[in-house]
């Protein structure tokens, strides 16, 4: 009897090690792990930057993990175990979320830590998957699905909107891109300068004063941007290299998961 029990214990130990070996190790300093290689470098950087900013501002860690296959394991169980193993989220808050895609299995799962389950319920997780992610995955646009899905998760966790925003056909409130704001500002500035220039043509002295004022305004605007780094290089728009902004992602914090979330397939 003791011999049989010992054999059973050893067998379970071997099985545990075999399962453990199938979990990939997290890449140091990264919150997006594209093991399936379904994202371009640019797409991976964009997701990394957004999720690192979320971590820096709120402490909530939303990780993305893509695999070709979970090797026959249920994706929800696999994602929960991997999230525990990696420690996604903060240890004292359990505020991690793991979005997993198994591209060859055509399965997706959102697993939530204890600390975010009140904001991202199982029903909301399923709605995010069905409405924002799977439609994009069906056309092999994995980035669009992951980008839209994580946008909704960020909005829910940060309180930008709640479940009511996801009812019917209403989606998360759209934010105005910084580039659009800049273009609008430039148009308004151009109109103001044109008015100042045009208004000065009727008189000599006044015209020169107005023209000089508009030139000074334009020069000041150009100078105010000449020393900034958000025109390529160093940070802001383009340049900079690497993944994530600022100091990058510092690593997972040891969060726990309780089995919340949802799965879907396409």
C-alpha atoms as a PDB file:
ATOM      1  CA  UNK A   1       0.000   0.000   0.000  1.00  0.00           C
ATOM      2  CA  UNK A   2       2.801   2.357   0.941  1.00  0.00           C
ATOM      3  CA  UNK A   3       4.624   1.505  -2.269  1.00  0.00           C
ATOM      4  CA  UNK A   4       1.548   2.314  -4.358  1.00  0.00           C
ATOM      5  CA  UNK A   5       1.073   5.591  -2.511  1.00  0.00           C
ATOM      6  CA  UNK A   6       4.711   6.502  -3.096  1.00  0.00           C
ATOM      7  CA  UNK A   7       4.396   5.717  -6.808  1.00  0.00           C
ATOM      8  CA  UNK A   8       1.265   7.877  -7.006  1.00  0.00           C
ATOM      9  CA  UNK A   9       3.016  10.786  -5.297  1.00  0.00           C
ATOM     10  CA  UNK A  10       5.996  10.501  -7.628  1.00  0.00           C
ATOM     11  CA  UNK A  11       3.717  10.311 -10.665  1.00  0.00           C
ATOM     12  CA  UNK A  12       1.855  13.420  -9.572  1.00  0.00           C
ATOM     13  CA  UNK A  13       5.173  15.173  -9.023  1.00  0.00           C
ATOM     14  CA  UNK A  14       6.347  14.314 -12.521  1.00  0.00           C
ATOM     15  CA  UNK A  15       3.029  15.494 -13.977  1.00  0.00           C
ATOM     16  CA  UNK A  16       3.345  18.754 -12.056  1.00  0.00           C
ATOM     17  CA  UNK A  17       6.849  19.319 -13.401  1.00  0.00           C
ATOM     18  CA  UNK A  18       5.722  18.501 -16.934  1.00  0.00           C
ATOM     19  CA  UNK A  19       2.909  21.015 -16.723  1.00  0.00           C
ATOM     20  CA  UNK A  20       5.210  23.596 -15.159  1.00  0.00           C
ATOM     21  CA  UNK A  21       7.680  23.263 -17.994  1.00  0.00           C
ATOM     22  CA  UNK A  22       4.978  24.186 -20.495  1.00  0.00           C
ATOM     23  CA  UNK A  23       4.547  27.654 -19.034  1.00  0.00           C
ATOM     24  CA  UNK A  24       6.796  30.215 -20.721  1.00  0.00           C
ATOM     25  CA  UNK A  25       8.843  32.564 -18.591  1.00  0.00           C
ATOM     26  CA  UNK A  26       7.986  36.282 -18.674  1.00  0.00           C
ATOM     27  CA  UNK A  27      10.344  38.531 -20.572  1.00  0.00           C
ATOM     28  CA  UNK A  28      12.115  40.927 -18.247  1.00  0.00           C
ATOM     29  CA  UNK A  29      10.743  44.462 -18.367  1.00  0.00           C
ATOM     30  CA  UNK A  30       7.826  43.569 -20.627  1.00  0.00           C
ATOM     31  CA  UNK A  31       4.066  43.530 -20.077  1.00  0.00           C
ATOM     32  CA  UNK A  32       3.214  42.346 -23.614  1.00  0.00           C
ATOM     33  CA  UNK A  33       4.453  38.838 -24.446  1.00  0.00           C
ATOM     34  CA  UNK A  34       3.881  37.908 -28.079  1.00  0.00           C
ATOM     35  CA  UNK A  35       5.124  34.314 -28.032  1.00  0.00           C
ATOM     36  CA  UNK A  36       2.901  33.474 -31.021  1.00  0.00           C
ATOM     37  CA  UNK A  37       4.484  36.296 -33.052  1.00  0.00           C
ATOM     38  CA  UNK A  38       1.147  37.575 -34.318  1.00  0.00           C
ATOM     39  CA  UNK A  39       2.021  41.246 -33.781  1.00  0.00           C
ATOM     40  CA  UNK A  40       4.443  43.461 -35.632  1.00  0.00           C
ATOM     41  CA  UNK A  41       7.154  45.250 -33.652  1.00  0.00           C
ATOM     42  CA  UNK A  42       5.272  48.534 -34.034  1.00  0.00           C
ATOM     43  CA  UNK A  43       2.012  46.999 -32.813  1.00  0.00           C
ATOM     44  CA  UNK A  44       3.744  45.399 -29.854  1.00  0.00           C
ATOM     45  CA  UNK A  45       5.368  48.714 -28.927  1.00  0.00           C
ATOM     46  CA  UNK A  46       2.029  50.526 -29.106  1.00  0.00           C
ATOM     47  CA  UNK A  47       0.338  48.047 -26.778  1.00  0.00           C
ATOM     48  CA  UNK A  48       3.346  47.983 -24.452  1.00  0.00           C
ATOM     49  CA  UNK A  49       3.406  51.769 -24.174  1.00  0.00           C
ATOM     50  CA  UNK A  50      -0.310  51.978 -23.396  1.00  0.00           C
ATOM     51  CA  UNK A  51      -0.281  49.242 -20.767  1.00  0.00           C
ATOM     52  CA  UNK A  52       2.906  50.482 -19.093  1.00  0.00           C
ATOM     53  CA  UNK A  53       1.298  53.936 -18.820  1.00  0.00           C
ATOM     54  CA  UNK A  54      -1.731  52.294 -17.197  1.00  0.00           C
ATOM     55  CA  UNK A  55       0.506  50.491 -14.717  1.00  0.00           C
ATOM     56  CA  UNK A  56       2.437  53.666 -13.923  1.00  0.00           C
ATOM     57  CA  UNK A  57      -0.680  55.771 -13.335  1.00  0.00           C
ATOM     58  CA  UNK A  58      -2.925  53.303 -11.472  1.00  0.00           C
ATOM     59  CA  UNK A  59      -0.830  50.303 -10.456  1.00  0.00           C
ATOM     60  CA  UNK A  60      -3.204  48.009 -12.369  1.00  0.00           C
ATOM     61  CA  UNK A  61      -1.274  45.556 -14.525  1.00  0.00           C
ATOM     62  CA  UNK A  62      -2.972  44.406 -17.730  1.00  0.00           C
ATOM     63  CA  UNK A  63      -0.769  41.813 -19.386  1.00  0.00           C
ATOM     64  CA  UNK A  64      -1.101  40.438 -22.906  1.00  0.00           C
ATOM     65  CA  UNK A  65       0.112  36.920 -23.623  1.00  0.00           C
ATOM     66  CA  UNK A  66      -0.131  35.314 -27.056  1.00  0.00           C
ATOM     67  CA  UNK A  67       0.603  31.647 -27.642  1.00  0.00           C
ATOM     68  CA  UNK A  68       0.221  29.417 -30.652  1.00  0.00           C
ATOM     69  CA  UNK A  69      -1.474  26.787 -28.494  1.00  0.00           C
ATOM     70  CA  UNK A  70      -2.083  25.860 -24.875  1.00  0.00           C
ATOM     71  CA  UNK A  71      -1.197  22.269 -25.720  1.00  0.00           C
ATOM     72  CA  UNK A  72      -4.627  20.802 -25.134  1.00  0.00           C
ATOM     73  CA  UNK A  73      -5.242  22.566 -21.823  1.00  0.00           C
ATOM     74  CA  UNK A  74      -8.325  24.693 -21.256  1.00  0.00           C
ATOM     75  CA  UNK A  75      -7.269  28.276 -21.964  1.00  0.00           C
ATOM     76  CA  UNK A  76      -8.979  29.675 -18.852  1.00  0.00           C
ATOM     77  CA  UNK A  77      -7.210  27.217 -16.553  1.00  0.00           C
ATOM     78  CA  UNK A  78      -3.928  27.755 -18.376  1.00  0.00           C
ATOM     79  CA  UNK A  79      -4.201  31.543 -18.135  1.00  0.00           C
ATOM     80  CA  UNK A  80      -5.038  31.494 -14.423  1.00  0.00           C
ATOM     81  CA  UNK A  81      -2.078  29.231 -13.635  1.00  0.00           C
ATOM     82  CA  UNK A  82       0.289  31.303 -15.742  1.00  0.00           C
ATOM     83  CA  UNK A  83      -0.959  34.533 -14.141  1.00  0.00           C
ATOM     84  CA  UNK A  84      -0.351  33.057 -10.680  1.00  0.00           C
ATOM     85  CA  UNK A  85       3.082  31.838 -11.728  1.00  0.00           C
ATOM     86  CA  UNK A  86       4.060  35.231 -13.132  1.00  0.00           C
ATOM     87  CA  UNK A  87       2.385  37.189 -10.317  1.00  0.00           C
ATOM     88  CA  UNK A  88       0.529  39.644 -12.550  1.00  0.00           C
ATOM     89  CA  UNK A  89      -0.762  42.571 -10.463  1.00  0.00           C
ATOM     90  CA  UNK A  90       0.272  43.944  -7.075  1.00  0.00           C
ATOM     91  CA  UNK A  91       0.628  41.444  -4.233  1.00  0.00           C
ATOM     92  CA  UNK A  92      -1.351  43.516  -1.733  1.00  0.00           C
ATOM     93  CA  UNK A  93      -4.122  44.425  -4.182  1.00  0.00           C
ATOM     94  CA  UNK A  94      -4.368  41.497  -6.621  1.00  0.00           C
ATOM     95  CA  UNK A  95      -5.175  44.002  -9.351  1.00  0.00           C
ATOM     96  CA  UNK A  96      -3.908  42.126 -12.375  1.00  0.00           C
ATOM     97  CA  UNK A  97      -5.633  41.245 -15.642  1.00  0.00           C
ATOM     98  CA  UNK A  98      -4.258  38.774 -18.159  1.00  0.00           C
ATOM     99  CA  UNK A  99      -5.475  38.733 -21.763  1.00  0.00           C
ATOM    100  CA  UNK A 100      -4.417  35.503 -23.453  1.00  0.00           C
ATOM    101  CA  UNK A 101      -4.746  34.562 -27.120  1.00  0.00           C
ATOM    102  CA  UNK A 102      -3.992  31.093 -28.475  1.00  0.00           C
ATOM    103  CA  UNK A 103      -3.874  31.794 -32.203  1.00  0.00           C
ATOM    104  CA  UNK A 104      -3.797  28.231 -33.559  1.00  0.00           C
ATOM    105  CA  UNK A 105      -6.433  27.087 -31.046  1.00  0.00           C
ATOM    106  CA  UNK A 106      -8.496  30.158 -32.014  1.00  0.00           C
ATOM    107  CA  UNK A 107      -9.259  30.825 -28.352  1.00  0.00           C
ATOM    108  CA  UNK A 108      -9.067  33.935 -26.193  1.00  0.00           C
ATOM    109  CA  UNK A 109      -9.387  34.398 -22.442  1.00  0.00           C
ATOM    110  CA  UNK A 110      -9.522  37.311 -20.019  1.00  0.00           C
ATOM    111  CA  UNK A 111      -8.573  36.409 -16.436  1.00  0.00           C
ATOM    112  CA  UNK A 112      -9.048  38.936 -13.637  1.00  0.00           C
ATOM    113  CA  UNK A 113      -7.426  39.262 -10.231  1.00  0.00           C
ATOM    114  CA  UNK A 114      -9.469  39.517  -7.056  1.00  0.00           C
ATOM    115  CA  UNK A 115      -8.965  43.272  -6.834  1.00  0.00           C
ATOM    116  CA  UNK A 116     -10.519  44.146 -10.206  1.00  0.00           C
ATOM    117  CA  UNK A 117     -13.417  41.680 -10.322  1.00  0.00           C
ATOM    118  CA  UNK A 118     -15.868  44.338  -9.128  1.00  0.00           C
ATOM    119  CA  UNK A 119     -14.996  46.504 -12.141  1.00  0.00           C
ATOM    120  CA  UNK A 120     -14.482  43.768 -14.726  1.00  0.00           C
ATOM    121  CA  UNK A 121     -17.108  41.121 -14.042  1.00  0.00           C
ATOM    122  CA  UNK A 122     -17.321  37.781 -15.811  1.00  0.00           C
ATOM    123  CA  UNK A 123     -20.219  39.086 -17.905  1.00  0.00           C
ATOM    124  CA  UNK A 124     -18.281  42.188 -18.932  1.00  0.00           C
ATOM    125  CA  UNK A 125     -15.239  40.098 -19.797  1.00  0.00           C
ATOM    126  CA  UNK A 126     -17.374  37.968 -22.103  1.00  0.00           C
ATOM    127  CA  UNK A 127     -18.929  41.064 -23.668  1.00  0.00           C
ATOM    128  CA  UNK A 128     -15.498  42.558 -24.350  1.00  0.00           C
ATOM    129  CA  UNK A 129     -14.360  39.342 -26.001  1.00  0.00           C
ATOM    130  CA  UNK A 130     -17.483  38.904 -28.137  1.00  0.00           C
ATOM    131  CA  UNK A 131     -17.936  42.524 -29.167  1.00  0.00           C
ATOM    132  CA  UNK A 132     -14.480  44.058 -29.398  1.00  0.00           C
ATOM    133  CA  UNK A 133     -11.991  41.247 -29.882  1.00  0.00           C
ATOM    134  CA  UNK A 134     -13.382  38.263 -31.780  1.00  0.00           C
ATOM    135  CA  UNK A 135     -14.731  40.308 -34.730  1.00  0.00           C
ATOM    136  CA  UNK A 136     -11.171  41.555 -35.341  1.00  0.00           C
ATOM    137  CA  UNK A 137      -9.601  38.152 -34.754  1.00  0.00           C
ATOM    138  CA  UNK A 138     -11.851  36.628 -37.408  1.00  0.00           C
ATOM    139  CA  UNK A 139     -10.119  38.832 -39.975  1.00  0.00           C
ATOM    140  CA  UNK A 140      -6.693  38.015 -38.457  1.00  0.00           C
ATOM    141  CA  UNK A 141      -6.284  41.558 -37.154  1.00  0.00           C
ATOM    142  CA  UNK A 142      -5.010  40.573 -33.740  1.00  0.00           C
ATOM    143  CA  UNK A 143      -3.671  44.012 -32.932  1.00  0.00           C
ATOM    144  CA  UNK A 144      -7.026  45.722 -33.504  1.00  0.00           C
ATOM    145  CA  UNK A 145      -8.780  43.215 -31.257  1.00  0.00           C
ATOM    146  CA  UNK A 146      -6.207  43.463 -28.479  1.00  0.00           C
ATOM    147  CA  UNK A 147      -6.083  47.241 -28.741  1.00  0.00           C
ATOM    148  CA  UNK A 148      -9.868  47.618 -28.558  1.00  0.00           C
ATOM    149  CA  UNK A 149     -10.228  45.041 -25.805  1.00  0.00           C
ATOM    150  CA  UNK A 150      -7.565  46.581 -23.585  1.00  0.00           C
ATOM    151  CA  UNK A 151      -9.036  50.056 -24.194  1.00  0.00           C
ATOM    152  CA  UNK A 152     -12.315  48.840 -22.686  1.00  0.00           C
ATOM    153  CA  UNK A 153     -10.524  47.159 -19.778  1.00  0.00           C
ATOM    154  CA  UNK A 154      -8.598  50.349 -19.050  1.00  0.00           C
ATOM    155  CA  UNK A 155     -11.805  52.382 -19.187  1.00  0.00           C
ATOM    156  CA  UNK A 156     -13.609  50.067 -16.781  1.00  0.00           C
ATOM    157  CA  UNK A 157     -10.787  49.838 -14.246  1.00  0.00           C
ATOM    158  CA  UNK A 158     -10.003  53.570 -14.309  1.00  0.00           C
ATOM    159  CA  UNK A 159     -13.676  54.543 -14.013  1.00  0.00           C
ATOM    160  CA  UNK A 160     -13.898  56.346 -17.359  1.00  0.00           C
ATOM    161  CA  UNK A 161     -17.099  54.416 -18.017  1.00  0.00           C
ATOM    162  CA  UNK A 162     -19.066  51.495 -16.622  1.00  0.00           C
ATOM    163  CA  UNK A 163     -21.178  48.598 -17.823  1.00  0.00           C
ATOM    164  CA  UNK A 164     -23.881  50.930 -19.139  1.00  0.00           C
ATOM    165  CA  UNK A 165     -21.479  52.197 -21.804  1.00  0.00           C
ATOM    166  CA  UNK A 166     -21.205  48.692 -23.195  1.00  0.00           C
ATOM    167  CA  UNK A 167     -24.957  48.072 -23.496  1.00  0.00           C
ATOM    168  CA  UNK A 168     -26.590  48.088 -26.891  1.00  0.00           C
ATOM    169  CA  UNK A 169     -24.328  49.376 -29.620  1.00  0.00           C
ATOM    170  CA  UNK A 170     -22.719  52.035 -27.492  1.00  0.00           C
ATOM    171  CA  UNK A 171     -19.020  51.532 -27.057  1.00  0.00           C
ATOM    172  CA  UNK A 172     -16.472  53.197 -24.811  1.00  0.00           C
ATOM    173  CA  UNK A 173     -16.353  56.982 -25.148  1.00  0.00           C
ATOM    174  CA  UNK A 174     -13.857  57.946 -27.805  1.00  0.00           C
ATOM    175  CA  UNK A 175     -11.002  60.206 -26.799  1.00  0.00           C
ATOM    176  CA  UNK A 176      -9.662  62.887 -29.103  1.00  0.00           C
ATOM    177  CA  UNK A 177      -6.159  61.946 -30.281  1.00  0.00           C
ATOM    178  CA  UNK A 178      -3.417  64.406 -29.390  1.00  0.00           C
ATOM    179  CA  UNK A 179      -2.542  64.765 -33.068  1.00  0.00           C
ATOM    180  CA  UNK A 180      -6.053  65.971 -33.887  1.00  0.00           C
ATOM    181  CA  UNK A 181      -5.902  68.570 -31.116  1.00  0.00           C
ATOM    182  CA  UNK A 182      -2.560  69.792 -32.447  1.00  0.00           C
ATOM    183  CA  UNK A 183      -3.901  70.108 -36.018  1.00  0.00           C
ATOM    184  CA  UNK A 184      -6.947  72.058 -34.808  1.00  0.00           C
ATOM    185  CA  UNK A 185      -4.678  74.364 -32.817  1.00  0.00           C
ATOM    186  CA  UNK A 186      -2.482  74.970 -35.867  1.00  0.00           C
ATOM    187  CA  UNK A 187      -5.508  75.791 -38.035  1.00  0.00           C
ATOM    188  CA  UNK A 188      -6.800  78.300 -35.495  1.00  0.00           C
ATOM    189  CA  UNK A 189      -3.348  79.827 -35.147  1.00  0.00           C
ATOM    190  CA  UNK A 190      -3.018  80.131 -38.934  1.00  0.00           C
ATOM    191  CA  UNK A 191      -6.413  81.867 -39.158  1.00  0.00           C
ATOM    192  CA  UNK A 192      -5.478  84.328 -36.412  1.00  0.00           C
ATOM    193  CA  UNK A 193      -2.157  85.139 -38.096  1.00  0.00           C
ATOM    194  CA  UNK A 194      -3.877  85.545 -41.487  1.00  0.00           C
ATOM    195  CA  UNK A 195      -6.378  87.974 -39.984  1.00  0.00           C
ATOM    196  CA  UNK A 196      -3.595  89.974 -38.366  1.00  0.00           C
ATOM    197  CA  UNK A 197      -1.660  90.118 -41.637  1.00  0.00           C
ATOM    198  CA  UNK A 198      -4.706  90.941 -43.747  1.00  0.00           C
ATOM    199  CA  UNK A 199      -5.982  93.586 -41.390  1.00  0.00           C
ATOM    200  CA  UNK A 200      -2.696  95.443 -41.562  1.00  0.00           C
ATOM    201  CA  UNK A 201      -2.708  95.994 -45.320  1.00  0.00           C
ATOM    202  CA  UNK A 202      -5.141  98.900 -45.183  1.00  0.00           C
ATOM    203  CA  UNK A 203      -2.745 101.205 -43.367  1.00  0.00           C
ATOM    204  CA  UNK A 204       0.974 101.709 -43.388  1.00  0.00           C
ATOM    205  CA  UNK A 205       2.016 102.293 -39.797  1.00  0.00           C
ATOM    206  CA  UNK A 206      -0.692 100.130 -38.240  1.00  0.00           C
ATOM    207  CA  UNK A 207      -0.100  97.428 -40.831  1.00  0.00           C
ATOM    208  CA  UNK A 208       3.563  97.163 -39.950  1.00  0.00           C
ATOM    209  CA  UNK A 209       2.780  97.005 -36.256  1.00  0.00           C
ATOM    210  CA  UNK A 210       0.210  94.248 -36.792  1.00  0.00           C
ATOM    211  CA  UNK A 211       2.493  92.375 -39.147  1.00  0.00           C
ATOM    212  CA  UNK A 212       5.328  92.626 -36.660  1.00  0.00           C
ATOM    213  CA  UNK A 213       3.059  91.348 -33.907  1.00  0.00           C
ATOM    214  CA  UNK A 214       1.937  88.369 -35.980  1.00  0.00           C
ATOM    215  CA  UNK A 215       5.526  87.580 -36.962  1.00  0.00           C
ATOM    216  CA  UNK A 216       6.537  87.689 -33.326  1.00  0.00           C
ATOM    217  CA  UNK A 217       3.666  85.378 -32.427  1.00  0.00           C
ATOM    218  CA  UNK A 218       4.669  82.883 -35.117  1.00  0.00           C
ATOM    219  CA  UNK A 219       8.344  83.054 -34.183  1.00  0.00           C
ATOM    220  CA  UNK A 220       7.535  82.517 -30.520  1.00  0.00           C
ATOM    221  CA  UNK A 221       5.467  79.481 -31.415  1.00  0.00           C
ATOM    222  CA  UNK A 222       8.269  77.927 -33.445  1.00  0.00           C
ATOM    223  CA  UNK A 223      10.854  78.647 -30.779  1.00  0.00           C
ATOM    224  CA  UNK A 224       8.656  77.176 -28.081  1.00  0.00           C
ATOM    225  CA  UNK A 225       8.729  73.843 -29.905  1.00  0.00           C
ATOM    226  CA  UNK A 226      12.282  73.862 -31.199  1.00  0.00           C
ATOM    227  CA  UNK A 227      13.756  72.616 -27.936  1.00  0.00           C
ATOM    228  CA  UNK A 228      11.183  69.955 -27.185  1.00  0.00           C
ATOM    229  CA  UNK A 229      11.655  66.256 -27.707  1.00  0.00           C
ATOM    230  CA  UNK A 230       8.163  65.394 -28.934  1.00  0.00           C
ATOM    231  CA  UNK A 231       9.014  66.049 -32.565  1.00  0.00           C
ATOM    232  CA  UNK A 232      10.805  62.744 -33.024  1.00  0.00           C
ATOM    233  CA  UNK A 233      13.714  61.352 -31.065  1.00  0.00           C
ATOM    234  CA  UNK A 234      13.952  60.986 -27.328  1.00  0.00           C
ATOM    235  CA  UNK A 235      10.257  60.473 -26.654  1.00  0.00           C
ATOM    236  CA  UNK A 236       6.805  61.655 -27.592  1.00  0.00           C
ATOM    237  CA  UNK A 237       6.130  61.060 -31.287  1.00  0.00           C
ATOM    238  CA  UNK A 238       8.446  58.466 -32.837  1.00  0.00           C
ATOM    239  CA  UNK A 239      12.084  57.872 -32.034  1.00  0.00           C
ATOM    240  CA  UNK A 240      13.323  56.782 -28.673  1.00  0.00           C
ATOM    241  CA  UNK A 241      13.416  53.084 -29.481  1.00  0.00           C
ATOM    242  CA  UNK A 242      12.703  50.265 -27.084  1.00  0.00           C
ATOM    243  CA  UNK A 243       9.399  49.269 -25.518  1.00  0.00           C
ATOM    244  CA  UNK A 244       7.324  51.479 -23.291  1.00  0.00           C
ATOM    245  CA  UNK A 245       7.920  55.066 -22.329  1.00  0.00           C
ATOM    246  CA  UNK A 246       9.835  56.574 -19.450  1.00  0.00           C
ATOM    247  CA  UNK A 247      11.628  53.981 -17.384  1.00  0.00           C
ATOM    248  CA  UNK A 248       9.748  51.049 -18.913  1.00  0.00           C
ATOM    249  CA  UNK A 249       7.916  48.269 -17.102  1.00  0.00           C
ATOM    250  CA  UNK A 250       9.389  47.293 -13.754  1.00  0.00           C
ATOM    251  CA  UNK A 251       7.954  43.777 -13.612  1.00  0.00           C
ATOM    252  CA  UNK A 252       4.966  42.004 -12.123  1.00  0.00           C
ATOM    253  CA  UNK A 253       4.195  42.462  -8.446  1.00  0.00           C
ATOM    254  CA  UNK A 254       2.974  39.072  -7.230  1.00  0.00           C
ATOM    255  CA  UNK A 255      -0.784  39.425  -7.638  1.00  0.00           C
ATOM    256  CA  UNK A 256      -3.285  36.595  -7.204  1.00  0.00           C
ATOM    257  CA  UNK A 257      -6.192  35.370  -9.325  1.00  0.00           C
ATOM    258  CA  UNK A 258      -9.469  33.825  -8.215  1.00  0.00           C
ATOM    259  CA  UNK A 259     -10.834  32.365 -11.429  1.00  0.00           C
ATOM    260  CA  UNK A 260     -12.773  35.405 -12.648  1.00  0.00           C
ATOM    261  CA  UNK A 261     -13.037  36.255 -16.324  1.00  0.00           C
ATOM    262  CA  UNK A 262     -14.328  34.675 -19.518  1.00  0.00           C
ATOM    263  CA  UNK A 263     -13.277  32.854 -22.669  1.00  0.00           C
ATOM    264  CA  UNK A 264     -14.333  32.851 -26.301  1.00  0.00           C
ATOM    265  CA  UNK A 265     -13.487  31.306 -29.654  1.00  0.00           C
ATOM    266  CA  UNK A 266     -13.706  32.218 -33.326  1.00  0.00           C
END
